[in-house]
Amino acid sequence: MNSFELEPKHSTSQIPGKCIKCLAEQELNNCLLELLKGAENERELQQRYEMLLTFLKSPESQKLRDESEKYLAEGRRVMLKLSFGDGEPRYELKID
């Protein structure tokens, strides 16, 4: 697995949204459950789990969360791309 994306949503009175941190925690739990079940794509799930855990522990996560919330409040679409390059985690916000 090279990368994957999380797409946070802004909450409205009709639609509940989720911030980047909540999405990452939810995806982390999903990965853990699949790993415990013995999923076929175990290596890919381990990489995804590692990327999410690294992101949640990183000092950058709060900065990216704040930035994404600002754009979501403006009604813009936000995607967070998580990846590893040269053994280092990389995070990129895509704003539409």
C-alpha atoms as a PDB file:
ATOM      1  CA  MET A   1       0.000   0.000   0.000  1.00  0.00           C
ATOM      2  CA  ASN A   2       1.470   3.306  -1.064  1.00  0.00           C
ATOM      3  CA  SER A   3      -1.181   5.695   0.212  1.00  0.00           C
ATOM      4  CA  PHE A   4      -4.823   6.205   1.058  1.00  0.00           C
ATOM      5  CA  GLU A   5      -7.138   9.123   1.704  1.00  0.00           C
ATOM      6  CA  LEU A   6      -9.515  10.229   4.419  1.00  0.00           C
ATOM      7  CA  GLU A   7     -12.344  12.628   3.610  1.00  0.00           C
ATOM      8  CA  PRO A   8     -13.637  14.546   6.628  1.00  0.00           C
ATOM      9  CA  LYS A   9     -17.112  16.083   6.527  1.00  0.00           C
ATOM     10  CA  HIS A  10     -18.427  19.214   8.211  1.00  0.00           C
ATOM     11  CA  SER A  11     -21.405  18.631  10.499  1.00  0.00           C
ATOM     12  CA  THR A  12     -24.697  20.312   9.689  1.00  0.00           C
ATOM     13  CA  SER A  13     -28.051  20.166  11.436  1.00  0.00           C
ATOM     14  CA  GLN A  14     -29.126  17.435   8.997  1.00  0.00           C
ATOM     15  CA  ILE A  15     -25.869  15.510   8.451  1.00  0.00           C
ATOM     16  CA  PRO A  16     -23.333  14.506  11.100  1.00  0.00           C
ATOM     17  CA  GLY A  17     -19.734  14.934   9.995  1.00  0.00           C
ATOM     18  CA  LYS A  18     -16.410  13.621  11.195  1.00  0.00           C
ATOM     19  CA  CYS A  19     -13.099  15.402  11.609  1.00  0.00           C
ATOM     20  CA  ILE A  20      -9.804  13.955  10.415  1.00  0.00           C
ATOM     21  CA  LYS A  21      -8.920  12.663  13.883  1.00  0.00           C
ATOM     22  CA  CYS A  22     -12.268  10.881  14.294  1.00  0.00           C
ATOM     23  CA  LEU A  23     -11.986   9.320  10.834  1.00  0.00           C
ATOM     24  CA  ALA A  24      -8.420   8.175  11.500  1.00  0.00           C
ATOM     25  CA  GLU A  25      -9.411   6.642  14.853  1.00  0.00           C
ATOM     26  CA  GLN A  26     -12.404   4.896  13.281  1.00  0.00           C
ATOM     27  CA  GLU A  27     -10.270   3.523  10.441  1.00  0.00           C
ATOM     28  CA  LEU A  28      -7.597   2.435  12.944  1.00  0.00           C
ATOM     29  CA  ASN A  29     -10.225   0.448  14.877  1.00  0.00           C
ATOM     30  CA  ASN A  30     -11.561  -1.076  11.647  1.00  0.00           C
ATOM     31  CA  CYS A  31      -8.048  -2.182  10.654  1.00  0.00           C
ATOM     32  CA  LEU A  32      -7.449  -3.710  14.067  1.00  0.00           C
ATOM     33  CA  LEU A  33     -10.718  -5.657  13.937  1.00  0.00           C
ATOM     34  CA  GLU A  34      -9.907  -6.976  10.459  1.00  0.00           C
ATOM     35  CA  LEU A  35      -6.407  -7.983  11.555  1.00  0.00           C
ATOM     36  CA  LEU A  36      -7.829  -9.829  14.574  1.00  0.00           C
ATOM     37  CA  LYS A  37     -10.253 -11.667  12.290  1.00  0.00           C
ATOM     38  CA  GLY A  38      -7.325 -12.847  10.160  1.00  0.00           C
ATOM     39  CA  ALA A  39      -8.144 -10.909   6.993  1.00  0.00           C
ATOM     40  CA  GLU A  40      -6.655 -12.075   3.702  1.00  0.00           C
ATOM     41  CA  ASN A  41      -4.927  -8.756   2.983  1.00  0.00           C
ATOM     42  CA  GLU A  42      -3.073  -8.730   6.299  1.00  0.00           C
ATOM     43  CA  ARG A  43       0.082  -6.990   5.037  1.00  0.00           C
ATOM     44  CA  GLU A  44      -1.908  -4.149   3.499  1.00  0.00           C
ATOM     45  CA  LEU A  45      -3.975  -3.754   6.668  1.00  0.00           C
ATOM     46  CA  GLN A  46      -0.800  -3.671   8.791  1.00  0.00           C
ATOM     47  CA  GLN A  47       0.618  -0.879   6.630  1.00  0.00           C
ATOM     48  CA  ARG A  48      -2.631   1.079   6.815  1.00  0.00           C
ATOM     49  CA  TYR A  49      -2.755   0.588  10.593  1.00  0.00           C
ATOM     50  CA  GLU A  50       0.845   1.795  10.918  1.00  0.00           C
ATOM     51  CA  MET A  51       0.172   4.886   8.792  1.00  0.00           C
ATOM     52  CA  LEU A  52      -2.904   5.796  10.834  1.00  0.00           C
ATOM     53  CA  LEU A  53      -1.192   5.242  14.167  1.00  0.00           C
ATOM     54  CA  THR A  54       1.810   7.317  13.074  1.00  0.00           C
ATOM     55  CA  PHE A  55      -0.508  10.102  11.940  1.00  0.00           C
ATOM     56  CA  LEU A  56      -2.494  10.154  15.171  1.00  0.00           C
ATOM     57  CA  LYS A  57       0.707  10.342  17.238  1.00  0.00           C
ATOM     58  CA  SER A  58       2.331  13.010  15.064  1.00  0.00           C
ATOM     59  CA  PRO A  59       2.449  16.675  16.092  1.00  0.00           C
ATOM     60  CA  GLU A  60       1.254  17.520  12.569  1.00  0.00           C
ATOM     61  CA  SER A  61      -2.137  15.882  13.106  1.00  0.00           C
ATOM     62  CA  GLN A  62      -3.539  18.771  15.184  1.00  0.00           C
ATOM     63  CA  LYS A  63      -2.299  21.347  12.673  1.00  0.00           C
ATOM     64  CA  LEU A  64      -3.871  19.450   9.770  1.00  0.00           C
ATOM     65  CA  ARG A  65      -7.083  18.975  11.720  1.00  0.00           C
ATOM     66  CA  ASP A  66      -7.351  22.706  12.416  1.00  0.00           C
ATOM     67  CA  GLU A  67      -6.584  23.573   8.811  1.00  0.00           C
ATOM     68  CA  SER A  68      -9.127  21.095   7.443  1.00  0.00           C
ATOM     69  CA  GLU A  69     -11.823  22.367   9.827  1.00  0.00           C
ATOM     70  CA  LYS A  70     -11.260  25.889   8.525  1.00  0.00           C
ATOM     71  CA  TYR A  71     -11.793  24.779   4.925  1.00  0.00           C
ATOM     72  CA  LEU A  72     -14.777  22.601   5.808  1.00  0.00           C
ATOM     73  CA  ALA A  73     -16.407  25.577   7.549  1.00  0.00           C
ATOM     74  CA  GLU A  74     -16.014  27.487   4.269  1.00  0.00           C
ATOM     75  CA  GLY A  75     -17.946  24.717   2.517  1.00  0.00           C
ATOM     76  CA  ARG A  76     -14.946  23.312   0.681  1.00  0.00           C
ATOM     77  CA  ARG A  77     -14.175  19.630   0.118  1.00  0.00           C
ATOM     78  CA  VAL A  78     -11.128  18.339   1.988  1.00  0.00           C
ATOM     79  CA  MET A  79      -9.145  15.120   1.531  1.00  0.00           C
ATOM     80  CA  LEU A  80      -6.156  14.032   3.594  1.00  0.00           C
ATOM     81  CA  LYS A  81      -3.689  11.789   1.804  1.00  0.00           C
ATOM     82  CA  LEU A  82      -1.538   9.607   4.064  1.00  0.00           C
ATOM     83  CA  SER A  83       1.537   7.899   2.659  1.00  0.00           C
ATOM     84  CA  PHE A  84       5.064   6.752   3.408  1.00  0.00           C
ATOM     85  CA  GLY A  85       7.915   8.010   1.255  1.00  0.00           C
ATOM     86  CA  ASP A  86      11.507   6.970   1.882  1.00  0.00           C
ATOM     87  CA  GLY A  87      10.359   5.422   5.153  1.00  0.00           C
ATOM     88  CA  GLU A  88       8.934   8.739   6.372  1.00  0.00           C
ATOM     89  CA  PRO A  89       5.237   9.508   6.851  1.00  0.00           C
ATOM     90  CA  ARG A  90       3.761  12.144   4.561  1.00  0.00           C
ATOM     91  CA  TYR A  91       0.500  13.999   4.921  1.00  0.00           C
ATOM     92  CA  GLU A  92      -1.069  16.144   2.236  1.00  0.00           C
ATOM     93  CA  LEU A  93      -4.323  18.102   2.396  1.00  0.00           C
ATOM     94  CA  LYS A  94      -6.184  18.372  -0.890  1.00  0.00           C
ATOM     95  CA  ILE A  95      -8.692  21.194  -1.029  1.00  0.00           C
ATOM     96  CA  ASP A  96     -11.419  21.555  -3.675  1.00  0.00           C
END
